[in-house]
């Protein structure tokens, strides 16, 4: 059974935290609220699909500063920004830093629900991609050095005969290594192998 997504709501205004929390819970979304940046940073966050609904203007560290800090820490929670004092420069800065949406208070309930839904969808895709990459890296580690060499040349677009010439191998040997690499990587076709190589950052000519 898949873990339930969790939305983190960070706002120094208790009434706003309560309103957003109630709205999200009314549609079956799990919520955790925080009254300060420090409280959020010190809290444990389960490794589940989620997002952060973040107020921009708070005492001390503001929402935009926290958003940038999370990026530097490698925390990849999608962010929905909200503010009662929105302006164009803040909007641009927040969106450039990767925010999914920017809601000016007071906002419509449906706008918040739509923004959170989009943020959760983004995190779902990110997490699935991360799992696929981790699986591909584990498969890559099972290749012999020669199999990896052959794979990298094949995904560069070299034909078997060219790979053989490049590595000083017989054509039969190249075919054996190529077949083993594809089998170990779980690639049924050459396009599958190329896609996995791209996911791993391999096979890109300079």
N, C-alpha and C. Protein backbone atom coordinates (compact mmCIF):
# COMPACT_ATOMS: atom_id res chain seq x y z
N UNK A 1 0.84 -1.20 0.00
CA UNK A 1 0.00 0.00 0.00
C UNK A 1 0.88 1.25 0.00
N UNK A 2 0.59 2.17 -0.91
CA UNK A 2 1.39 3.39 -1.04
C UNK A 2 1.19 4.31 0.17
N UNK A 3 2.29 4.92 0.69
CA UNK A 3 2.14 5.88 1.78
C UNK A 3 1.27 7.06 1.36
N UNK A 4 0.54 7.61 2.30
CA UNK A 4 -0.34 8.75 2.02
C UNK A 4 0.50 10.01 1.83
N UNK A 5 0.23 10.82 0.80
CA UNK A 5 0.97 12.08 0.62
C UNK A 5 0.78 13.00 1.81
N UNK A 6 1.78 13.83 2.07
CA UNK A 6 1.73 14.75 3.20
C UNK A 6 2.05 16.17 2.73
N UNK A 7 1.14 17.11 3.04
CA UNK A 7 1.35 18.51 2.69
C UNK A 7 1.80 19.26 3.94
N UNK A 8 2.91 19.98 3.83
CA UNK A 8 3.44 20.79 4.92
C UNK A 8 2.95 22.22 4.73
N UNK A 9 2.32 22.79 5.75
CA UNK A 9 1.81 24.16 5.66
C UNK A 9 2.58 25.03 6.65
N UNK A 10 3.30 26.01 6.13
CA UNK A 10 4.14 26.87 6.95
C UNK A 10 3.68 28.32 6.84
N UNK A 11 3.12 28.84 7.95
CA UNK A 11 2.63 30.22 7.98
C UNK A 11 2.63 30.66 9.44
N UNK A 12 3.08 31.89 9.71
CA UNK A 12 3.12 32.36 11.10
C UNK A 12 1.74 32.80 11.60
N UNK A 13 0.76 32.85 10.73
CA UNK A 13 -0.60 33.24 11.10
C UNK A 13 -1.41 31.98 11.45
N UNK A 14 -1.77 31.79 12.73
CA UNK A 14 -2.50 30.58 13.14
C UNK A 14 -3.81 30.38 12.40
N UNK A 15 -4.53 31.48 12.13
CA UNK A 15 -5.82 31.35 11.45
C UNK A 15 -5.64 30.87 10.02
N UNK A 16 -4.58 31.33 9.36
CA UNK A 16 -4.30 30.88 7.99
C UNK A 16 -3.88 29.42 7.99
N UNK A 17 -3.03 29.03 8.93
CA UNK A 17 -2.63 27.62 9.03
C UNK A 17 -3.86 26.73 9.21
N UNK A 18 -4.76 27.17 10.09
CA UNK A 18 -5.96 26.40 10.37
C UNK A 18 -6.86 26.30 9.15
N UNK A 19 -7.02 27.42 8.43
CA UNK A 19 -7.90 27.45 7.26
C UNK A 19 -7.38 26.54 6.15
N UNK A 20 -6.08 26.65 5.86
CA UNK A 20 -5.50 25.83 4.79
C UNK A 20 -5.53 24.36 5.18
N UNK A 21 -5.20 24.10 6.44
CA UNK A 21 -5.20 22.72 6.92
C UNK A 21 -6.59 22.10 6.82
N UNK A 22 -7.60 22.84 7.26
CA UNK A 22 -8.98 22.33 7.22
C UNK A 22 -9.42 22.07 5.78
N UNK A 23 -9.06 23.00 4.89
CA UNK A 23 -9.43 22.85 3.48
C UNK A 23 -8.83 21.58 2.89
N UNK A 24 -7.54 21.37 3.11
CA UNK A 24 -6.87 20.21 2.54
C UNK A 24 -7.38 18.91 3.15
N UNK A 25 -7.60 18.92 4.46
CA UNK A 25 -8.10 17.70 5.11
C UNK A 25 -9.52 17.38 4.67
N UNK A 26 -10.28 18.41 4.26
CA UNK A 26 -11.65 18.17 3.82
C UNK A 26 -11.72 17.35 2.54
N UNK A 27 -10.60 17.31 1.80
CA UNK A 27 -10.56 16.50 0.58
C UNK A 27 -9.64 15.28 0.76
N UNK A 28 -9.36 14.94 2.02
CA UNK A 28 -8.62 13.72 2.32
C UNK A 28 -7.12 13.81 2.26
N UNK A 29 -6.57 15.02 2.30
CA UNK A 29 -5.11 15.19 2.24
C UNK A 29 -4.55 15.31 3.65
N UNK A 30 -3.49 14.57 3.95
CA UNK A 30 -2.81 14.65 5.24
C UNK A 30 -2.02 15.96 5.31
N UNK A 31 -2.05 16.61 6.47
CA UNK A 31 -1.40 17.92 6.61
C UNK A 31 -0.58 17.98 7.90
N UNK A 32 0.57 18.64 7.83
CA UNK A 32 1.37 18.97 9.01
C UNK A 32 1.62 20.48 8.97
N UNK A 33 1.32 21.17 10.08
CA UNK A 33 1.47 22.63 10.09
C UNK A 33 2.66 23.08 10.94
N UNK A 34 3.19 24.26 10.60
CA UNK A 34 4.34 24.84 11.29
C UNK A 34 4.14 26.34 11.39
N UNK A 35 4.55 26.92 12.52
CA UNK A 35 4.38 28.35 12.73
C UNK A 35 5.62 29.17 12.44
N UNK A 36 6.75 28.49 12.17
CA UNK A 36 7.99 29.22 11.90
C UNK A 36 8.91 28.37 11.05
N UNK A 37 9.85 29.03 10.41
CA UNK A 37 10.84 28.32 9.60
C UNK A 37 11.65 27.37 10.47
N UNK A 38 12.01 27.83 11.66
CA UNK A 38 12.80 26.99 12.56
C UNK A 38 12.04 25.71 12.91
N UNK A 39 10.76 25.87 13.21
CA UNK A 39 9.94 24.70 13.56
C UNK A 39 9.92 23.70 12.40
N UNK A 40 9.79 24.22 11.19
CA UNK A 40 9.77 23.34 10.02
C UNK A 40 11.10 22.62 9.84
N UNK A 41 12.20 23.37 9.95
CA UNK A 41 13.52 22.77 9.72
C UNK A 41 13.87 21.75 10.79
N UNK A 42 13.36 21.94 12.01
CA UNK A 42 13.70 21.01 13.10
C UNK A 42 12.80 19.79 13.12
N UNK A 43 11.69 19.84 12.40
CA UNK A 43 10.75 18.72 12.40
C UNK A 43 11.24 17.60 11.48
N UNK A 44 10.94 16.39 11.85
CA UNK A 44 11.26 15.27 10.99
C UNK A 44 10.24 15.19 9.86
N UNK A 45 10.72 14.93 8.65
CA UNK A 45 9.81 14.82 7.51
C UNK A 45 9.88 13.41 6.94
N UNK A 46 8.75 12.68 6.98
CA UNK A 46 8.76 11.32 6.44
C UNK A 46 9.07 11.33 4.95
N UNK A 47 9.68 10.26 4.47
CA UNK A 47 10.05 10.16 3.06
C UNK A 47 8.85 9.68 2.26
N UNK A 48 7.88 10.59 2.09
CA UNK A 48 6.68 10.28 1.32
C UNK A 48 6.42 11.41 0.34
N UNK A 49 5.57 11.15 -0.62
CA UNK A 49 5.16 12.17 -1.58
C UNK A 49 4.57 13.36 -0.82
N UNK A 50 4.93 14.57 -1.23
CA UNK A 50 4.41 15.73 -0.52
C UNK A 50 4.76 17.04 -1.19
N UNK A 51 4.40 18.13 -0.53
CA UNK A 51 4.75 19.46 -1.00
C UNK A 51 4.71 20.41 0.19
N UNK A 52 5.16 21.63 -0.04
CA UNK A 52 5.21 22.65 1.00
C UNK A 52 4.39 23.86 0.57
N UNK A 53 3.37 24.21 1.38
CA UNK A 53 2.61 25.43 1.16
C UNK A 53 3.23 26.47 2.08
N UNK A 54 3.81 27.51 1.49
CA UNK A 54 4.73 28.38 2.22
C UNK A 54 4.35 29.85 2.11
N UNK A 55 4.19 30.50 3.28
CA UNK A 55 3.94 31.94 3.30
C UNK A 55 5.25 32.68 3.06
N UNK A 56 5.21 33.72 2.24
CA UNK A 56 6.44 34.43 1.90
C UNK A 56 6.93 35.32 3.04
N UNK A 57 6.01 36.08 3.64
CA UNK A 57 6.45 37.06 4.63
C UNK A 57 6.23 36.53 6.05
N UNK A 58 7.35 36.22 6.71
CA UNK A 58 7.32 35.76 8.09
C UNK A 58 8.46 36.42 8.86
N UNK A 59 8.34 36.51 10.18
CA UNK A 59 9.43 37.09 10.97
C UNK A 59 10.71 36.28 10.79
N UNK A 60 11.83 36.95 10.76
CA UNK A 60 13.10 36.25 10.60
C UNK A 60 13.28 35.79 9.17
N UNK A 61 13.57 34.51 9.00
CA UNK A 61 13.76 33.95 7.67
C UNK A 61 12.43 33.89 6.94
N UNK A 62 12.34 34.55 5.79
CA UNK A 62 11.11 34.57 5.02
C UNK A 62 10.98 33.35 4.14
N UNK A 63 9.81 33.24 3.50
CA UNK A 63 9.54 32.09 2.67
C UNK A 63 10.48 31.92 1.50
N UNK A 64 10.82 33.02 0.82
CA UNK A 64 11.72 32.91 -0.33
C UNK A 64 13.12 32.46 0.11
N UNK A 65 13.56 32.98 1.24
CA UNK A 65 14.88 32.58 1.75
C UNK A 65 14.88 31.09 2.11
N UNK A 66 13.77 30.64 2.72
CA UNK A 66 13.67 29.21 3.06
C UNK A 66 13.65 28.37 1.78
N UNK A 67 12.92 28.82 0.78
CA UNK A 67 12.85 28.10 -0.48
C UNK A 67 14.25 27.90 -1.06
N UNK A 68 15.05 28.96 -1.04
CA UNK A 68 16.42 28.88 -1.57
C UNK A 68 17.30 28.01 -0.67
N UNK A 69 17.07 28.07 0.64
CA UNK A 69 17.84 27.27 1.58
C UNK A 69 17.55 25.78 1.36
N UNK A 70 16.30 25.45 1.14
CA UNK A 70 15.93 24.05 0.90
C UNK A 70 16.62 23.53 -0.35
N UNK A 71 16.69 24.37 -1.38
CA UNK A 71 17.38 23.96 -2.60
C UNK A 71 18.84 23.64 -2.33
N UNK A 72 19.49 24.49 -1.53
CA UNK A 72 20.91 24.28 -1.24
C UNK A 72 21.12 23.04 -0.38
N UNK A 73 20.08 22.65 0.40
CA UNK A 73 20.17 21.45 1.25
C UNK A 73 19.78 20.19 0.49
N UNK A 74 19.32 20.37 -0.75
CA UNK A 74 18.92 19.22 -1.54
C UNK A 74 17.53 18.71 -1.21
N UNK A 75 16.74 19.52 -0.48
CA UNK A 75 15.36 19.14 -0.18
C UNK A 75 14.50 19.53 -1.37
N UNK A 76 13.89 18.55 -2.01
CA UNK A 76 13.24 18.79 -3.30
C UNK A 76 11.72 18.85 -3.23
N UNK A 77 11.18 19.20 -2.07
CA UNK A 77 9.73 19.33 -1.95
C UNK A 77 9.23 20.44 -2.89
N UNK A 78 8.26 20.16 -3.74
CA UNK A 78 7.67 21.24 -4.54
C UNK A 78 7.02 22.27 -3.61
N UNK A 79 7.09 23.54 -4.01
CA UNK A 79 6.62 24.63 -3.14
C UNK A 79 5.47 25.40 -3.80
N UNK A 80 4.43 25.66 -3.00
CA UNK A 80 3.35 26.58 -3.37
C UNK A 80 3.50 27.80 -2.47
N UNK A 81 3.74 28.95 -3.07
CA UNK A 81 3.94 30.17 -2.30
C UNK A 81 2.61 30.91 -2.11
N UNK A 82 2.47 31.54 -0.93
CA UNK A 82 1.29 32.38 -0.69
C UNK A 82 1.72 33.62 0.07
N UNK A 83 1.05 34.75 -0.20
CA UNK A 83 1.39 35.98 0.47
C UNK A 83 0.20 36.93 0.44
N UNK A 84 0.18 37.82 1.42
CA UNK A 84 -0.84 38.86 1.44
C UNK A 84 -0.32 40.14 0.82
N UNK A 85 0.96 40.14 0.45
CA UNK A 85 1.58 41.37 -0.06
C UNK A 85 2.35 41.08 -1.35
N UNK A 86 1.77 40.30 -2.23
CA UNK A 86 2.48 39.88 -3.43
C UNK A 86 2.80 41.02 -4.36
N UNK A 87 3.95 40.94 -4.99
CA UNK A 87 4.30 41.89 -6.03
C UNK A 87 5.10 41.15 -7.11
N UNK A 88 5.30 41.80 -8.21
CA UNK A 88 5.92 41.14 -9.36
C UNK A 88 7.33 40.62 -9.07
N UNK A 89 8.23 41.42 -8.48
CA UNK A 89 9.58 40.90 -8.22
C UNK A 89 9.59 39.64 -7.36
N UNK A 90 8.73 39.61 -6.33
CA UNK A 90 8.69 38.43 -5.47
C UNK A 90 8.14 37.23 -6.24
N UNK A 91 7.15 37.48 -7.07
CA UNK A 91 6.58 36.40 -7.87
C UNK A 91 7.64 35.80 -8.78
N UNK A 92 8.36 36.67 -9.47
CA UNK A 92 9.40 36.22 -10.40
C UNK A 92 10.48 35.45 -9.65
N UNK A 93 10.92 35.98 -8.52
CA UNK A 93 11.98 35.31 -7.75
C UNK A 93 11.51 33.93 -7.28
N UNK A 94 10.28 33.88 -6.79
CA UNK A 94 9.77 32.60 -6.30
C UNK A 94 9.61 31.57 -7.40
N UNK A 95 9.09 32.01 -8.54
CA UNK A 95 8.89 31.07 -9.63
C UNK A 95 10.22 30.63 -10.24
N UNK A 96 11.18 31.54 -10.31
CA UNK A 96 12.51 31.18 -10.82
C UNK A 96 13.19 30.16 -9.92
N UNK A 97 12.87 30.23 -8.64
CA UNK A 97 13.46 29.28 -7.69
C UNK A 97 12.71 27.95 -7.71
N UNK A 98 11.71 27.84 -8.58
CA UNK A 98 11.07 26.55 -8.78
C UNK A 98 9.70 26.37 -8.18
N UNK A 99 9.08 27.44 -7.67
CA UNK A 99 7.74 27.30 -7.09
C UNK A 99 6.75 26.80 -8.14
N UNK A 100 5.82 25.97 -7.69
CA UNK A 100 4.81 25.43 -8.58
C UNK A 100 3.74 26.47 -8.88
N UNK A 101 3.39 27.26 -7.85
CA UNK A 101 2.35 28.27 -8.03
C UNK A 101 2.56 29.37 -6.99
N UNK A 102 1.86 30.47 -7.18
CA UNK A 102 1.99 31.65 -6.33
C UNK A 102 0.59 32.19 -6.09
N UNK A 103 0.11 32.11 -4.86
CA UNK A 103 -1.26 32.50 -4.55
C UNK A 103 -1.29 33.74 -3.66
N UNK A 104 -1.98 34.76 -4.11
CA UNK A 104 -2.14 35.98 -3.31
C UNK A 104 -3.33 35.82 -2.38
N UNK A 105 -3.13 36.15 -1.10
CA UNK A 105 -4.23 36.10 -0.13
C UNK A 105 -5.13 37.33 -0.33
N UNK A 106 -6.44 37.17 -0.20
CA UNK A 106 -7.15 35.90 -0.01
C UNK A 106 -7.29 35.16 -1.33
N UNK A 107 -7.13 33.86 -1.29
CA UNK A 107 -7.25 33.06 -2.51
C UNK A 107 -8.51 32.19 -2.43
N UNK A 108 -8.96 31.75 -3.58
CA UNK A 108 -10.12 30.85 -3.63
C UNK A 108 -9.68 29.45 -3.20
N UNK A 109 -10.57 28.76 -2.50
CA UNK A 109 -10.26 27.40 -2.07
C UNK A 109 -9.82 26.53 -3.24
N UNK A 110 -10.53 26.65 -4.36
CA UNK A 110 -10.21 25.81 -5.51
C UNK A 110 -8.82 26.10 -6.06
N UNK A 111 -8.39 27.36 -5.99
CA UNK A 111 -7.05 27.69 -6.46
C UNK A 111 -5.99 27.00 -5.60
N UNK A 112 -6.21 26.96 -4.29
CA UNK A 112 -5.27 26.27 -3.40
C UNK A 112 -5.28 24.77 -3.68
N UNK A 113 -6.46 24.20 -3.83
CA UNK A 113 -6.55 22.76 -4.10
C UNK A 113 -5.88 22.41 -5.43
N UNK A 114 -6.06 23.25 -6.44
CA UNK A 114 -5.43 23.01 -7.74
C UNK A 114 -3.91 23.11 -7.63
N UNK A 115 -3.44 24.10 -6.89
CA UNK A 115 -1.99 24.29 -6.74
C UNK A 115 -1.35 23.12 -6.00
N UNK A 116 -2.00 22.68 -4.93
CA UNK A 116 -1.47 21.55 -4.15
C UNK A 116 -1.50 20.28 -5.00
N UNK A 117 -2.57 20.09 -5.76
CA UNK A 117 -2.66 18.91 -6.63
C UNK A 117 -1.53 18.90 -7.65
N UNK A 118 -1.22 20.05 -8.23
CA UNK A 118 -0.13 20.15 -9.20
C UNK A 118 1.22 19.88 -8.54
N UNK A 119 1.39 20.39 -7.32
CA UNK A 119 2.65 20.20 -6.60
C UNK A 119 2.84 18.72 -6.23
N UNK A 120 1.79 18.06 -5.79
CA UNK A 120 1.88 16.64 -5.45
C UNK A 120 2.17 15.81 -6.70
N UNK A 121 1.57 16.19 -7.82
CA UNK A 121 1.82 15.48 -9.07
C UNK A 121 3.29 15.63 -9.48
N UNK A 122 3.83 16.82 -9.30
CA UNK A 122 5.25 17.05 -9.64
C UNK A 122 6.15 16.18 -8.77
N UNK A 123 5.82 16.10 -7.47
CA UNK A 123 6.65 15.30 -6.57
C UNK A 123 6.53 13.81 -6.91
N UNK A 124 5.34 13.39 -7.32
CA UNK A 124 5.13 11.99 -7.70
C UNK A 124 6.03 11.63 -8.88
N UNK A 125 6.08 12.51 -9.87
CA UNK A 125 6.92 12.27 -11.04
C UNK A 125 8.40 12.26 -10.65
N UNK A 126 8.79 13.22 -9.81
CA UNK A 126 10.20 13.30 -9.37
C UNK A 126 10.62 12.04 -8.63
N UNK A 127 9.76 11.57 -7.74
CA UNK A 127 10.10 10.39 -6.95
C UNK A 127 10.17 9.15 -7.83
N UNK A 128 9.26 9.02 -8.79
CA UNK A 128 9.28 7.87 -9.70
C UNK A 128 10.55 7.89 -10.53
N UNK A 129 10.94 9.08 -11.01
CA UNK A 129 12.16 9.22 -11.80
C UNK A 129 13.38 8.87 -10.96
N UNK A 130 13.36 9.27 -9.68
CA UNK A 130 14.47 8.97 -8.78
C UNK A 130 14.61 7.48 -8.55
N UNK A 131 13.47 6.80 -8.41
CA UNK A 131 13.51 5.34 -8.22
C UNK A 131 14.06 4.66 -9.47
N UNK A 132 13.62 5.13 -10.65
CA UNK A 132 14.08 4.53 -11.89
C UNK A 132 15.59 4.73 -12.05
N UNK A 133 16.07 5.92 -11.71
CA UNK A 133 17.50 6.17 -11.82
C UNK A 133 18.29 5.29 -10.86
N UNK A 134 17.80 5.14 -9.62
CA UNK A 134 18.48 4.29 -8.64
C UNK A 134 18.55 2.85 -9.13
N UNK A 135 17.45 2.38 -9.73
CA UNK A 135 17.44 1.01 -10.26
C UNK A 135 18.42 0.88 -11.42
N UNK A 136 18.46 1.90 -12.28
CA UNK A 136 19.38 1.86 -13.42
C UNK A 136 20.84 1.89 -12.95
N UNK A 137 21.12 2.67 -11.91
CA UNK A 137 22.48 2.73 -11.37
C UNK A 137 22.89 1.37 -10.79
N UNK A 138 21.94 0.72 -10.12
CA UNK A 138 22.24 -0.60 -9.55
C UNK A 138 22.52 -1.61 -10.66
N UNK A 139 21.75 -1.53 -11.76
CA UNK A 139 21.99 -2.42 -12.89
C UNK A 139 23.32 -2.13 -13.55
N UNK A 140 23.64 -0.84 -13.69
CA UNK A 140 24.91 -0.45 -14.32
C UNK A 140 26.10 -1.02 -13.56
N UNK A 141 25.97 -1.07 -12.23
CA UNK A 141 27.06 -1.57 -11.39
C UNK A 141 27.34 -3.06 -11.61
N UNK A 142 26.38 -3.79 -12.22
CA UNK A 142 26.59 -5.22 -12.46
C UNK A 142 27.35 -5.48 -13.76
N UNK A 143 27.52 -4.44 -14.58
CA UNK A 143 28.25 -4.61 -15.84
C UNK A 143 29.74 -4.75 -15.59
N UNK A 144 30.39 -5.59 -16.40
CA UNK A 144 31.85 -5.66 -16.35
C UNK A 144 32.41 -4.40 -17.00
N UNK A 145 33.67 -4.04 -16.73
CA UNK A 145 34.24 -2.85 -17.36
C UNK A 145 34.12 -2.89 -18.89
N UNK A 146 34.32 -4.07 -19.49
CA UNK A 146 34.24 -4.17 -20.95
C UNK A 146 32.80 -4.01 -21.44
N UNK A 147 31.86 -4.60 -20.72
CA UNK A 147 30.46 -4.44 -21.09
C UNK A 147 30.04 -2.98 -21.04
N UNK A 148 30.52 -2.27 -20.03
CA UNK A 148 30.19 -0.85 -19.93
C UNK A 148 30.81 -0.06 -21.08
N UNK A 149 32.05 -0.39 -21.42
CA UNK A 149 32.70 0.28 -22.56
C UNK A 149 31.88 0.11 -23.83
N UNK A 150 31.47 -1.12 -24.07
CA UNK A 150 30.69 -1.42 -25.28
C UNK A 150 29.37 -0.66 -25.23
N UNK A 151 28.71 -0.69 -24.10
CA UNK A 151 27.43 0.00 -23.96
C UNK A 151 27.58 1.49 -24.26
N UNK A 152 28.60 2.12 -23.70
CA UNK A 152 28.77 3.56 -23.89
C UNK A 152 29.02 3.92 -25.35
N UNK A 153 29.75 3.06 -26.06
CA UNK A 153 30.00 3.33 -27.47
C UNK A 153 28.74 3.08 -28.30
N UNK A 154 27.99 2.04 -27.95
CA UNK A 154 26.76 1.73 -28.68
C UNK A 154 25.76 2.86 -28.56
N UNK A 155 25.59 3.41 -27.34
CA UNK A 155 24.60 4.48 -27.16
C UNK A 155 25.09 5.80 -27.76
N UNK A 156 26.38 5.86 -28.11
CA UNK A 156 26.88 7.03 -28.84
C UNK A 156 26.49 6.95 -30.31
N UNK A 157 26.03 5.77 -30.72
CA UNK A 157 25.60 5.61 -32.10
C UNK A 157 26.54 4.78 -32.96
N UNK A 158 27.59 4.20 -32.37
CA UNK A 158 28.53 3.39 -33.14
C UNK A 158 27.92 2.03 -33.48
N UNK A 159 28.20 1.55 -34.68
CA UNK A 159 27.78 0.22 -35.10
C UNK A 159 28.71 -0.80 -34.44
N UNK A 160 28.27 -2.07 -34.42
CA UNK A 160 29.08 -3.11 -33.79
C UNK A 160 30.49 -3.17 -34.37
N UNK A 161 30.59 -3.04 -35.70
CA UNK A 161 31.90 -3.11 -36.37
C UNK A 161 32.78 -1.95 -35.91
N UNK A 162 32.18 -0.76 -35.74
CA UNK A 162 32.95 0.40 -35.28
C UNK A 162 33.40 0.23 -33.84
N UNK A 163 32.53 -0.34 -33.01
CA UNK A 163 32.90 -0.60 -31.61
C UNK A 163 34.06 -1.58 -31.56
N UNK A 164 33.99 -2.60 -32.42
CA UNK A 164 35.06 -3.60 -32.46
C UNK A 164 36.40 -2.93 -32.80
N UNK A 165 36.37 -2.04 -33.82
CA UNK A 165 37.59 -1.35 -34.21
C UNK A 165 38.09 -0.42 -33.11
N UNK A 166 37.18 0.25 -32.43
CA UNK A 166 37.55 1.19 -31.37
C UNK A 166 38.22 0.48 -30.20
N UNK A 167 37.72 -0.71 -29.86
CA UNK A 167 38.22 -1.42 -28.67
C UNK A 167 39.20 -2.54 -29.00
N UNK A 168 39.42 -2.79 -30.29
CA UNK A 168 40.34 -3.86 -30.68
C UNK A 168 39.80 -5.24 -30.36
N UNK A 169 38.49 -5.39 -30.55
CA UNK A 169 37.84 -6.67 -30.27
C UNK A 169 37.28 -7.27 -31.55
N UNK A 170 36.96 -8.55 -31.50
CA UNK A 170 36.31 -9.17 -32.64
C UNK A 170 34.83 -8.78 -32.65
N UNK A 171 34.21 -8.87 -33.81
CA UNK A 171 32.80 -8.52 -33.93
C UNK A 171 31.94 -9.42 -33.05
N UNK A 172 32.28 -10.70 -33.00
CA UNK A 172 31.52 -11.65 -32.18
C UNK A 172 31.60 -11.26 -30.70
N UNK A 173 32.79 -10.89 -30.26
CA UNK A 173 32.97 -10.50 -28.86
C UNK A 173 32.15 -9.26 -28.52
N UNK A 174 32.12 -8.30 -29.44
CA UNK A 174 31.32 -7.08 -29.22
C UNK A 174 29.86 -7.45 -29.09
N UNK A 175 29.37 -8.33 -29.97
CA UNK A 175 27.96 -8.73 -29.91
C UNK A 175 27.63 -9.40 -28.59
N UNK A 176 28.56 -10.22 -28.10
CA UNK A 176 28.35 -10.90 -26.81
C UNK A 176 28.27 -9.88 -25.68
N UNK A 177 29.21 -8.92 -25.66
CA UNK A 177 29.21 -7.91 -24.61
C UNK A 177 27.98 -7.00 -24.71
N UNK A 178 27.60 -6.68 -25.93
CA UNK A 178 26.43 -5.83 -26.12
C UNK A 178 25.16 -6.53 -25.62
N UNK A 179 25.04 -7.80 -25.95
CA UNK A 179 23.88 -8.56 -25.50
C UNK A 179 23.84 -8.68 -23.98
N UNK A 180 25.01 -8.90 -23.38
CA UNK A 180 25.07 -9.01 -21.92
C UNK A 180 24.71 -7.68 -21.26
N UNK A 181 25.20 -6.59 -21.84
CA UNK A 181 24.91 -5.26 -21.27
C UNK A 181 23.41 -4.96 -21.34
N UNK A 182 22.81 -5.27 -22.47
CA UNK A 182 21.37 -5.01 -22.61
C UNK A 182 20.56 -5.87 -21.64
N UNK A 183 20.95 -7.13 -21.50
CA UNK A 183 20.24 -8.02 -20.58
C UNK A 183 20.36 -7.53 -19.14
N UNK A 184 21.57 -7.17 -18.73
CA UNK A 184 21.79 -6.72 -17.35
C UNK A 184 21.10 -5.38 -17.07
N UNK A 185 21.01 -4.53 -18.09
CA UNK A 185 20.35 -3.23 -17.91
C UNK A 185 18.83 -3.33 -18.02
N UNK A 186 18.34 -4.50 -18.42
CA UNK A 186 16.89 -4.66 -18.56
C UNK A 186 16.36 -3.94 -19.79
N UNK A 187 17.22 -3.79 -20.80
CA UNK A 187 16.83 -3.08 -22.03
C UNK A 187 16.49 -4.09 -23.11
N UNK A 188 15.25 -4.06 -23.61
CA UNK A 188 14.84 -5.00 -24.64
C UNK A 188 15.24 -4.53 -26.03
N UNK A 189 15.38 -3.22 -26.19
CA UNK A 189 15.73 -2.67 -27.50
C UNK A 189 16.84 -1.64 -27.33
N UNK A 190 17.44 -1.26 -28.46
CA UNK A 190 18.47 -0.22 -28.42
C UNK A 190 17.92 1.11 -27.90
N UNK A 191 16.72 1.55 -28.33
CA UNK A 191 16.17 2.78 -27.76
C UNK A 191 16.02 2.72 -26.23
N UNK A 192 15.65 1.53 -25.71
CA UNK A 192 15.58 1.37 -24.25
C UNK A 192 16.94 1.64 -23.62
N UNK A 193 17.98 1.08 -24.22
CA UNK A 193 19.34 1.24 -23.70
C UNK A 193 19.78 2.70 -23.76
N UNK A 194 19.45 3.37 -24.86
CA UNK A 194 19.81 4.78 -25.02
C UNK A 194 19.10 5.63 -23.96
N UNK A 195 17.83 5.32 -23.69
CA UNK A 195 17.08 6.09 -22.69
C UNK A 195 17.67 5.90 -21.29
N UNK A 196 18.05 4.67 -20.97
CA UNK A 196 18.65 4.40 -19.66
C UNK A 196 20.00 5.10 -19.53
N UNK A 197 20.77 5.08 -20.63
CA UNK A 197 22.07 5.75 -20.62
C UNK A 197 21.90 7.26 -20.40
N UNK A 198 20.89 7.84 -21.06
CA UNK A 198 20.62 9.28 -20.88
C UNK A 198 20.22 9.57 -19.44
N UNK A 199 19.42 8.68 -18.85
CA UNK A 199 19.01 8.84 -17.46
C UNK A 199 20.22 8.84 -16.52
N UNK A 200 21.23 8.06 -16.89
CA UNK A 200 22.45 7.94 -16.08
C UNK A 200 23.52 8.96 -16.46
N UNK A 201 23.24 9.76 -17.51
CA UNK A 201 24.22 10.75 -17.93
C UNK A 201 25.35 10.15 -18.74
N UNK A 202 25.10 9.00 -19.38
CA UNK A 202 26.13 8.35 -20.18
C UNK A 202 25.88 8.57 -21.67
N UNK A 203 26.91 8.39 -22.44
CA UNK A 203 26.75 8.36 -23.88
C UNK A 203 26.51 9.71 -24.54
N UNK A 204 26.88 10.80 -23.86
CA UNK A 204 26.68 12.11 -24.47
C UNK A 204 27.99 12.63 -25.01
N UNK A 205 28.06 12.79 -26.30
CA UNK A 205 29.32 13.25 -26.93
C UNK A 205 29.61 14.68 -26.53
N UNK A 206 30.90 14.99 -26.43
CA UNK A 206 31.28 16.35 -26.10
C UNK A 206 31.21 17.24 -27.31
